[in-house]
Amino acid sequence: MRIVKPPAPIQVRAADRVVFLAGSIEMGAAEDWQARLAAELRDIDAIALNPRRDEWDASWRQSIDEPKFREQVEWELAGLERADVVAMWFAPETKAPITLLELGLHARGGKVIVGCPHGFWRRGNLEVVCARYGVPLVAAWAPFVAAVRAKVPK
């Protein structure tokens, strides 16, 4: 598995299998589950788009007029649209507002897998959305990894 992180351009071919690693980050409050998942899927011939930017600067204004912030959000939106699989992990110690937004954007697309342990503050909302739109929802890490692995196109 090859990993691409912002601000590197998303350069993939039509035939490439792409997994977007959406989920809890919260300025580093969440464990680096993206690296953990990529390591567990290292044998898959695919590209992982990992939005956890190495050079994140918390001083960037949350504004369309802030070039680096906008670059990050545009990178994520482009990656989500290109992905064959969107793996979303909701860590219980986080709120994950952006991931909730992304789930709303992509729940109907048929490419999302949600991992959400019990204890996440809005798990009930996730349960209802996932049930309504047929999104697989698992509560533990190992089934999440297995579901992502099974969803990656062969």
N, C-alpha and C. Protein backbone atom coordinates (compact mmCIF):
# COMPACT_ATOMS: atom_id res chain seq x y z
N MET A 1 0.86 -1.17 0.00
CA MET A 1 0.00 0.00 0.00
C MET A 1 0.90 1.23 0.00
N ARG A 2 0.63 2.12 -0.92
CA ARG A 2 1.36 3.39 -0.99
C ARG A 2 0.51 4.44 -0.28
N ILE A 3 1.16 5.29 0.52
CA ILE A 3 0.45 6.32 1.29
C ILE A 3 0.73 7.69 0.70
N VAL A 4 -0.32 8.48 0.53
CA VAL A 4 -0.21 9.85 0.06
C VAL A 4 -0.86 10.75 1.11
N LYS A 5 -0.12 11.79 1.50
CA LYS A 5 -0.60 12.74 2.50
C LYS A 5 -0.54 14.15 1.93
N PRO A 6 -1.40 15.02 2.41
CA PRO A 6 -1.32 16.41 1.97
C PRO A 6 -0.04 17.07 2.47
N PRO A 7 0.49 17.98 1.72
CA PRO A 7 -0.05 18.61 0.52
C PRO A 7 0.33 17.93 -0.79
N ALA A 8 0.87 16.71 -0.75
CA ALA A 8 1.24 16.02 -1.99
C ALA A 8 0.03 15.90 -2.90
N PRO A 9 0.22 16.11 -4.18
CA PRO A 9 -0.91 15.98 -5.11
C PRO A 9 -1.44 14.55 -5.14
N ILE A 10 -2.72 14.44 -5.36
CA ILE A 10 -3.34 13.12 -5.50
C ILE A 10 -3.23 12.76 -6.98
N GLN A 11 -2.21 11.98 -7.29
CA GLN A 11 -1.97 11.56 -8.67
C GLN A 11 -2.18 10.06 -8.74
N VAL A 12 -3.35 9.68 -9.18
CA VAL A 12 -3.69 8.27 -9.31
C VAL A 12 -4.24 8.01 -10.69
N ARG A 13 -4.05 6.81 -11.16
CA ARG A 13 -4.59 6.40 -12.46
C ARG A 13 -6.01 5.87 -12.26
N ALA A 14 -6.74 5.79 -13.33
CA ALA A 14 -8.11 5.29 -13.26
C ALA A 14 -8.15 3.87 -12.70
N ALA A 15 -7.14 3.07 -13.00
CA ALA A 15 -7.12 1.67 -12.55
C ALA A 15 -6.66 1.51 -11.10
N ASP A 16 -6.11 2.54 -10.49
CA ASP A 16 -5.63 2.44 -9.12
C ASP A 16 -6.79 2.24 -8.15
N ARG A 17 -6.55 1.41 -7.14
CA ARG A 17 -7.52 1.24 -6.05
C ARG A 17 -7.13 2.22 -4.95
N VAL A 18 -8.10 3.01 -4.50
CA VAL A 18 -7.81 4.11 -3.57
C VAL A 18 -8.69 3.98 -2.33
N VAL A 19 -8.04 4.08 -1.16
CA VAL A 19 -8.73 4.05 0.12
C VAL A 19 -8.46 5.38 0.82
N PHE A 20 -9.52 6.09 1.17
CA PHE A 20 -9.38 7.35 1.91
C PHE A 20 -9.55 7.04 3.39
N LEU A 21 -8.60 7.51 4.20
CA LEU A 21 -8.61 7.24 5.64
C LEU A 21 -9.24 8.40 6.39
N ALA A 22 -10.56 8.45 6.39
CA ALA A 22 -11.30 9.51 7.07
C ALA A 22 -11.48 9.11 8.53
N GLY A 23 -11.60 10.08 9.39
CA GLY A 23 -11.86 9.74 10.78
C GLY A 23 -11.17 10.67 11.75
N SER A 24 -11.28 10.32 13.00
CA SER A 24 -10.79 11.15 14.10
C SER A 24 -9.32 11.52 13.95
N ILE A 25 -9.05 12.81 14.06
CA ILE A 25 -7.70 13.35 14.15
C ILE A 25 -7.68 14.36 15.29
N GLU A 26 -8.53 15.38 15.15
CA GLU A 26 -8.69 16.45 16.14
C GLU A 26 -7.38 17.01 16.65
N MET A 27 -6.61 17.53 15.70
CA MET A 27 -5.36 18.20 16.04
C MET A 27 -4.45 17.30 16.85
N GLY A 28 -4.46 16.02 16.55
CA GLY A 28 -3.58 15.08 17.22
C GLY A 28 -4.15 14.46 18.49
N ALA A 29 -5.39 14.76 18.86
CA ALA A 29 -5.98 14.19 20.07
C ALA A 29 -6.23 12.69 19.92
N ALA A 30 -6.49 12.27 18.70
CA ALA A 30 -6.74 10.84 18.45
C ALA A 30 -5.42 10.14 18.14
N GLU A 31 -5.34 8.88 18.51
CA GLU A 31 -4.17 8.08 18.13
C GLU A 31 -4.04 8.10 16.60
N ASP A 32 -2.86 7.84 16.10
CA ASP A 32 -2.64 7.81 14.66
C ASP A 32 -3.14 6.47 14.11
N TRP A 33 -4.45 6.33 14.11
CA TRP A 33 -5.07 5.10 13.64
C TRP A 33 -4.87 4.92 12.14
N GLN A 34 -4.67 6.04 11.42
CA GLN A 34 -4.47 5.95 9.97
C GLN A 34 -3.20 5.16 9.66
N ALA A 35 -2.11 5.45 10.37
CA ALA A 35 -0.86 4.72 10.16
C ALA A 35 -1.03 3.25 10.55
N ARG A 36 -1.77 3.04 11.62
CA ARG A 36 -2.02 1.66 12.09
C ARG A 36 -2.80 0.86 11.04
N LEU A 37 -3.83 1.48 10.46
CA LEU A 37 -4.62 0.79 9.44
C LEU A 37 -3.78 0.54 8.19
N ALA A 38 -3.04 1.54 7.75
CA ALA A 38 -2.19 1.37 6.57
C ALA A 38 -1.19 0.24 6.79
N ALA A 39 -0.64 0.14 7.98
CA ALA A 39 0.31 -0.94 8.29
C ALA A 39 -0.38 -2.30 8.21
N GLU A 40 -1.61 -2.38 8.68
CA GLU A 40 -2.33 -3.66 8.65
C GLU A 40 -2.78 -4.04 7.24
N LEU A 41 -2.84 -3.06 6.35
CA LEU A 41 -3.26 -3.32 4.97
C LEU A 41 -2.08 -3.22 4.00
N ARG A 42 -0.86 -3.26 4.52
CA ARG A 42 0.34 -3.02 3.71
C ARG A 42 0.48 -4.00 2.54
N ASP A 43 -0.12 -5.16 2.63
CA ASP A 43 0.00 -6.16 1.56
C ASP A 43 -0.97 -5.92 0.41
N ILE A 44 -1.86 -4.97 0.53
CA ILE A 44 -2.84 -4.67 -0.51
C ILE A 44 -2.22 -3.73 -1.53
N ASP A 45 -2.43 -4.01 -2.80
CA ASP A 45 -1.94 -3.14 -3.87
C ASP A 45 -2.96 -2.02 -4.06
N ALA A 46 -2.79 -0.96 -3.27
CA ALA A 46 -3.72 0.17 -3.32
C ALA A 46 -3.00 1.42 -2.84
N ILE A 47 -3.68 2.53 -2.97
CA ILE A 47 -3.16 3.81 -2.50
C ILE A 47 -4.04 4.27 -1.35
N ALA A 48 -3.41 4.60 -0.23
CA ALA A 48 -4.13 5.14 0.91
C ALA A 48 -3.95 6.64 0.93
N LEU A 49 -5.05 7.36 0.94
CA LEU A 49 -5.01 8.82 1.08
C LEU A 49 -5.23 9.13 2.55
N ASN A 50 -4.18 9.63 3.19
CA ASN A 50 -4.19 9.89 4.62
C ASN A 50 -4.20 11.40 4.86
N PRO A 51 -5.31 11.96 5.33
CA PRO A 51 -5.40 13.41 5.51
C PRO A 51 -4.61 13.96 6.70
N ARG A 52 -4.02 13.09 7.51
CA ARG A 52 -3.27 13.54 8.69
C ARG A 52 -1.97 14.20 8.21
N ARG A 53 -2.03 15.49 8.07
CA ARG A 53 -0.93 16.29 7.51
C ARG A 53 0.23 16.38 8.49
N ASP A 54 1.43 16.08 8.02
CA ASP A 54 2.61 16.11 8.89
C ASP A 54 2.94 17.52 9.36
N GLU A 55 2.71 18.51 8.51
CA GLU A 55 3.07 19.89 8.86
C GLU A 55 1.85 20.74 9.18
N TRP A 56 0.91 20.21 9.93
CA TRP A 56 -0.29 20.98 10.28
C TRP A 56 0.10 22.15 11.17
N ASP A 57 -0.51 23.29 10.93
CA ASP A 57 -0.25 24.49 11.71
C ASP A 57 -1.58 24.97 12.30
N ALA A 58 -1.73 24.83 13.60
CA ALA A 58 -2.99 25.17 14.27
C ALA A 58 -3.31 26.65 14.19
N SER A 59 -2.35 27.47 13.76
CA SER A 59 -2.62 28.91 13.66
C SER A 59 -3.36 29.26 12.37
N TRP A 60 -3.47 28.32 11.43
CA TRP A 60 -4.19 28.62 10.20
C TRP A 60 -5.64 28.95 10.54
N ARG A 61 -6.12 30.05 9.98
CA ARG A 61 -7.52 30.43 10.18
C ARG A 61 -8.43 29.42 9.48
N GLN A 62 -9.53 29.08 10.10
CA GLN A 62 -10.52 28.19 9.52
C GLN A 62 -11.38 29.02 8.57
N SER A 63 -10.79 29.33 7.40
CA SER A 63 -11.43 30.23 6.45
C SER A 63 -11.05 29.85 5.03
N ILE A 64 -11.97 30.03 4.12
CA ILE A 64 -11.70 29.81 2.70
C ILE A 64 -10.60 30.75 2.22
N ASP A 65 -10.41 31.86 2.92
CA ASP A 65 -9.39 32.84 2.55
C ASP A 65 -8.01 32.49 3.09
N GLU A 66 -7.88 31.43 3.86
CA GLU A 66 -6.59 30.97 4.38
C GLU A 66 -6.06 29.91 3.41
N PRO A 67 -5.04 30.24 2.60
CA PRO A 67 -4.62 29.33 1.53
C PRO A 67 -4.26 27.92 1.98
N LYS A 68 -3.51 27.75 3.05
CA LYS A 68 -3.11 26.41 3.48
C LYS A 68 -4.30 25.62 4.03
N PHE A 69 -5.19 26.29 4.75
CA PHE A 69 -6.38 25.63 5.25
C PHE A 69 -7.25 25.17 4.08
N ARG A 70 -7.48 26.07 3.13
CA ARG A 70 -8.30 25.72 1.97
C ARG A 70 -7.66 24.57 1.18
N GLU A 71 -6.35 24.62 1.03
CA GLU A 71 -5.63 23.55 0.33
C GLU A 71 -5.91 22.20 0.99
N GLN A 72 -5.88 22.16 2.32
CA GLN A 72 -6.13 20.93 3.07
C GLN A 72 -7.55 20.42 2.82
N VAL A 73 -8.52 21.30 2.95
CA VAL A 73 -9.92 20.90 2.79
C VAL A 73 -10.19 20.45 1.35
N GLU A 74 -9.65 21.17 0.38
CA GLU A 74 -9.82 20.79 -1.03
C GLU A 74 -9.17 19.43 -1.30
N TRP A 75 -8.00 19.20 -0.70
CA TRP A 75 -7.32 17.91 -0.86
C TRP A 75 -8.21 16.78 -0.33
N GLU A 76 -8.78 16.99 0.84
CA GLU A 76 -9.65 15.97 1.43
C GLU A 76 -10.89 15.74 0.58
N LEU A 77 -11.53 16.79 0.11
CA LEU A 77 -12.73 16.63 -0.71
C LEU A 77 -12.42 15.87 -2.00
N ALA A 78 -11.29 16.22 -2.65
CA ALA A 78 -10.90 15.53 -3.88
C ALA A 78 -10.60 14.06 -3.60
N GLY A 79 -9.92 13.79 -2.49
CA GLY A 79 -9.60 12.42 -2.14
C GLY A 79 -10.83 11.58 -1.84
N LEU A 80 -11.76 12.16 -1.11
CA LEU A 80 -13.01 11.45 -0.81
C LEU A 80 -13.77 11.12 -2.09
N GLU A 81 -13.79 12.07 -3.02
CA GLU A 81 -14.51 11.83 -4.27
C GLU A 81 -13.84 10.75 -5.11
N ARG A 82 -12.51 10.71 -5.10
CA ARG A 82 -11.78 9.74 -5.93
C ARG A 82 -11.74 8.34 -5.31
N ALA A 83 -11.87 8.25 -4.03
CA ALA A 83 -11.70 6.97 -3.33
C ALA A 83 -12.70 5.91 -3.78
N ASP A 84 -12.21 4.68 -3.80
CA ASP A 84 -13.08 3.52 -4.01
C ASP A 84 -13.69 3.08 -2.68
N VAL A 85 -12.93 3.32 -1.60
CA VAL A 85 -13.35 2.96 -0.25
C VAL A 85 -13.03 4.13 0.66
N VAL A 86 -13.99 4.49 1.53
CA VAL A 86 -13.76 5.50 2.55
C VAL A 86 -13.87 4.80 3.90
N ALA A 87 -12.72 4.69 4.57
CA ALA A 87 -12.65 4.05 5.88
C ALA A 87 -12.75 5.13 6.94
N MET A 88 -13.81 5.10 7.74
CA MET A 88 -14.04 6.12 8.77
C MET A 88 -13.95 5.49 10.15
N TRP A 89 -13.01 6.00 10.96
CA TRP A 89 -12.86 5.51 12.33
C TRP A 89 -13.19 6.65 13.28
N PHE A 90 -14.18 6.42 14.15
CA PHE A 90 -14.61 7.41 15.14
C PHE A 90 -14.07 7.01 16.51
N ALA A 91 -12.99 7.66 16.94
CA ALA A 91 -12.38 7.35 18.24
C ALA A 91 -13.26 7.91 19.35
N PRO A 92 -13.55 7.12 20.37
CA PRO A 92 -14.46 7.57 21.44
C PRO A 92 -13.99 8.81 22.18
N GLU A 93 -12.70 9.08 22.23
CA GLU A 93 -12.20 10.25 22.95
C GLU A 93 -12.27 11.54 22.13
N THR A 94 -12.87 11.48 20.95
CA THR A 94 -12.95 12.65 20.09
C THR A 94 -14.40 12.98 19.74
N LYS A 95 -14.58 14.13 19.15
CA LYS A 95 -15.91 14.54 18.64
C LYS A 95 -16.02 14.29 17.14
N ALA A 96 -14.91 14.40 16.41
CA ALA A 96 -14.85 14.12 14.97
C ALA A 96 -15.89 14.87 14.14
N PRO A 97 -16.02 16.19 14.30
CA PRO A 97 -17.05 16.90 13.56
C PRO A 97 -16.86 16.85 12.05
N ILE A 98 -15.62 16.88 11.59
CA ILE A 98 -15.40 16.85 10.14
C ILE A 98 -15.75 15.47 9.59
N THR A 99 -15.44 14.43 10.31
CA THR A 99 -15.79 13.08 9.84
C THR A 99 -17.31 12.89 9.81
N LEU A 100 -18.00 13.46 10.77
CA LEU A 100 -19.46 13.41 10.73
C LEU A 100 -19.98 14.12 9.47
N LEU A 101 -19.38 15.26 9.15
CA LEU A 101 -19.74 15.98 7.93
C LEU A 101 -19.47 15.11 6.70
N GLU A 102 -18.29 14.49 6.67
CA GLU A 102 -17.93 13.65 5.54
C GLU A 102 -18.85 12.45 5.40
N LEU A 103 -19.28 11.87 6.52
CA LEU A 103 -20.24 10.78 6.45
C LEU A 103 -21.54 11.27 5.81
N GLY A 104 -21.98 12.45 6.20
CA GLY A 104 -23.18 13.01 5.59
C GLY A 104 -23.05 13.20 4.09
N LEU A 105 -21.86 13.57 3.65
CA LEU A 105 -21.62 13.76 2.21
C LEU A 105 -21.58 12.44 1.45
N HIS A 106 -21.11 11.35 2.09
CA HIS A 106 -20.82 10.13 1.35
C HIS A 106 -21.60 8.89 1.78
N ALA A 107 -22.51 9.01 2.73
CA ALA A 107 -23.23 7.82 3.22
C ALA A 107 -24.00 7.11 2.11
N ARG A 108 -24.49 7.84 1.14
CA ARG A 108 -25.29 7.24 0.08
C ARG A 108 -24.46 6.67 -1.06
N GLY A 109 -23.15 6.83 -1.00
CA GLY A 109 -22.30 6.48 -2.14
C GLY A 109 -21.89 5.02 -2.24
N GLY A 110 -22.15 4.23 -1.21
CA GLY A 110 -21.83 2.81 -1.27
C GLY A 110 -20.36 2.46 -1.07
N LYS A 111 -19.55 3.42 -0.64
CA LYS A 111 -18.12 3.12 -0.50
C LYS A 111 -17.58 3.34 0.91
N VAL A 112 -18.46 3.63 1.87
CA VAL A 112 -18.04 3.93 3.24
C VAL A 112 -18.11 2.70 4.13
N ILE A 113 -17.10 2.56 4.98
CA ILE A 113 -17.08 1.59 6.08
C ILE A 113 -16.89 2.41 7.35
N VAL A 114 -17.72 2.21 8.36
CA VAL A 114 -17.60 2.97 9.61
C VAL A 114 -17.17 2.05 10.73
N GLY A 115 -16.14 2.47 11.44
CA GLY A 115 -15.72 1.83 12.67
C GLY A 115 -15.99 2.79 13.81
N CYS A 116 -16.79 2.37 14.78
CA CYS A 116 -17.15 3.26 15.88
C CYS A 116 -17.37 2.44 17.15
N PRO A 117 -16.37 2.46 18.03
CA PRO A 117 -16.55 1.75 19.30
C PRO A 117 -17.67 2.37 20.14
N HIS A 118 -18.23 1.57 21.01
CA HIS A 118 -19.21 2.09 21.96
C HIS A 118 -18.50 3.13 22.82
N GLY A 119 -19.20 4.20 23.13
CA GLY A 119 -18.60 5.28 23.90
C GLY A 119 -18.41 6.54 23.08
N PHE A 120 -18.49 6.43 21.73
CA PHE A 120 -18.42 7.65 20.92
C PHE A 120 -19.68 8.46 21.18
N TRP A 121 -19.52 9.75 21.39
CA TRP A 121 -20.60 10.60 21.88
C TRP A 121 -21.83 10.64 20.96
N ARG A 122 -21.70 10.40 19.67
CA ARG A 122 -22.85 10.42 18.75
C ARG A 122 -23.03 9.06 18.07
N ARG A 123 -22.71 8.01 18.76
CA ARG A 123 -22.83 6.67 18.16
C ARG A 123 -24.26 6.39 17.70
N GLY A 124 -25.23 6.82 18.46
CA GLY A 124 -26.62 6.60 18.06
C GLY A 124 -26.94 7.21 16.70
N ASN A 125 -26.46 8.41 16.47
CA ASN A 125 -26.65 9.03 15.16
C ASN A 125 -26.00 8.20 14.06
N LEU A 126 -24.79 7.71 14.34
CA LEU A 126 -24.10 6.88 13.35
C LEU A 126 -24.88 5.61 13.07
N GLU A 127 -25.42 5.00 14.12
CA GLU A 127 -26.20 3.77 13.94
C GLU A 127 -27.39 4.01 13.01
N VAL A 128 -28.10 5.12 13.23
CA VAL A 128 -29.28 5.41 12.41
C VAL A 128 -28.90 5.70 10.97
N VAL A 129 -27.89 6.55 10.77
CA VAL A 129 -27.46 6.90 9.40
C VAL A 129 -26.95 5.66 8.67
N CYS A 130 -26.12 4.87 9.33
CA CYS A 130 -25.58 3.68 8.69
C CYS A 130 -26.69 2.68 8.35
N ALA A 131 -27.64 2.50 9.25
CA ALA A 131 -28.74 1.58 8.96
C ALA A 131 -29.58 2.09 7.79
N ARG A 132 -29.86 3.37 7.79
CA ARG A 132 -30.70 3.94 6.74
C ARG A 132 -30.08 3.81 5.35
N TYR A 133 -28.75 4.02 5.26
CA TYR A 133 -28.10 4.05 3.95
C TYR A 133 -27.26 2.81 3.66
N GLY A 134 -27.39 1.78 4.48
CA GLY A 134 -26.71 0.52 4.21
C GLY A 134 -25.19 0.59 4.36
N VAL A 135 -24.72 1.45 5.25
CA VAL A 135 -23.29 1.59 5.49
C VAL A 135 -22.88 0.59 6.57
N PRO A 136 -21.89 -0.26 6.29
CA PRO A 136 -21.43 -1.19 7.33
C PRO A 136 -20.88 -0.42 8.53
N LEU A 137 -21.30 -0.84 9.73
CA LEU A 137 -20.86 -0.22 10.98
C LEU A 137 -20.35 -1.32 11.89
N VAL A 138 -19.10 -1.20 12.32
CA VAL A 138 -18.52 -2.18 13.24
C VAL A 138 -18.03 -1.44 14.48
N ALA A 139 -17.97 -2.17 15.60
CA ALA A 139 -17.67 -1.53 16.87
C ALA A 139 -16.26 -1.77 17.38
N ALA A 140 -15.47 -2.57 16.66
CA ALA A 140 -14.13 -2.89 17.16
C ALA A 140 -13.12 -2.83 16.02
N TRP A 141 -11.84 -2.71 16.41
CA TRP A 141 -10.78 -2.51 15.44
C TRP A 141 -10.63 -3.67 14.45
N ALA A 142 -10.52 -4.90 14.93
CA ALA A 142 -10.27 -6.04 14.03
C ALA A 142 -11.37 -6.20 12.98
N PRO A 143 -12.65 -6.11 13.35
CA PRO A 143 -13.69 -6.20 12.32
C PRO A 143 -13.65 -5.01 11.35
N PHE A 144 -13.22 -3.85 11.84
CA PHE A 144 -13.08 -2.67 10.97
C PHE A 144 -12.02 -2.95 9.90
N VAL A 145 -10.87 -3.43 10.33
CA VAL A 145 -9.79 -3.74 9.38
C VAL A 145 -10.27 -4.78 8.38
N ALA A 146 -10.94 -5.81 8.84
CA ALA A 146 -11.44 -6.87 7.95
C ALA A 146 -12.46 -6.31 6.96
N ALA A 147 -13.34 -5.42 7.41
CA ALA A 147 -14.36 -4.85 6.53
C ALA A 147 -13.72 -3.97 5.46
N VAL A 148 -12.72 -3.19 5.84
CA VAL A 148 -12.02 -2.34 4.87
C VAL A 148 -11.32 -3.23 3.86
N ARG A 149 -10.60 -4.23 4.34
CA ARG A 149 -9.88 -5.15 3.46
C ARG A 149 -10.85 -5.80 2.45
N ALA A 150 -12.00 -6.24 2.92
CA ALA A 150 -12.97 -6.91 2.05
C ALA A 150 -13.58 -5.96 1.02
N LYS A 151 -13.63 -4.67 1.35
CA LYS A 151 -14.27 -3.68 0.47
C LYS A 151 -13.35 -3.19 -0.65
N VAL A 152 -12.04 -3.30 -0.46
CA VAL A 152 -11.11 -2.81 -1.49
C VAL A 152 -11.30 -3.64 -2.74
N PRO A 153 -11.55 -2.99 -3.88
CA PRO A 153 -11.76 -3.74 -5.11
C PRO A 153 -10.56 -4.63 -5.46
N LYS A 154 -10.83 -5.79 -5.98
CA LYS A 154 -9.75 -6.71 -6.37
C LYS A 154 -9.21 -6.37 -7.73
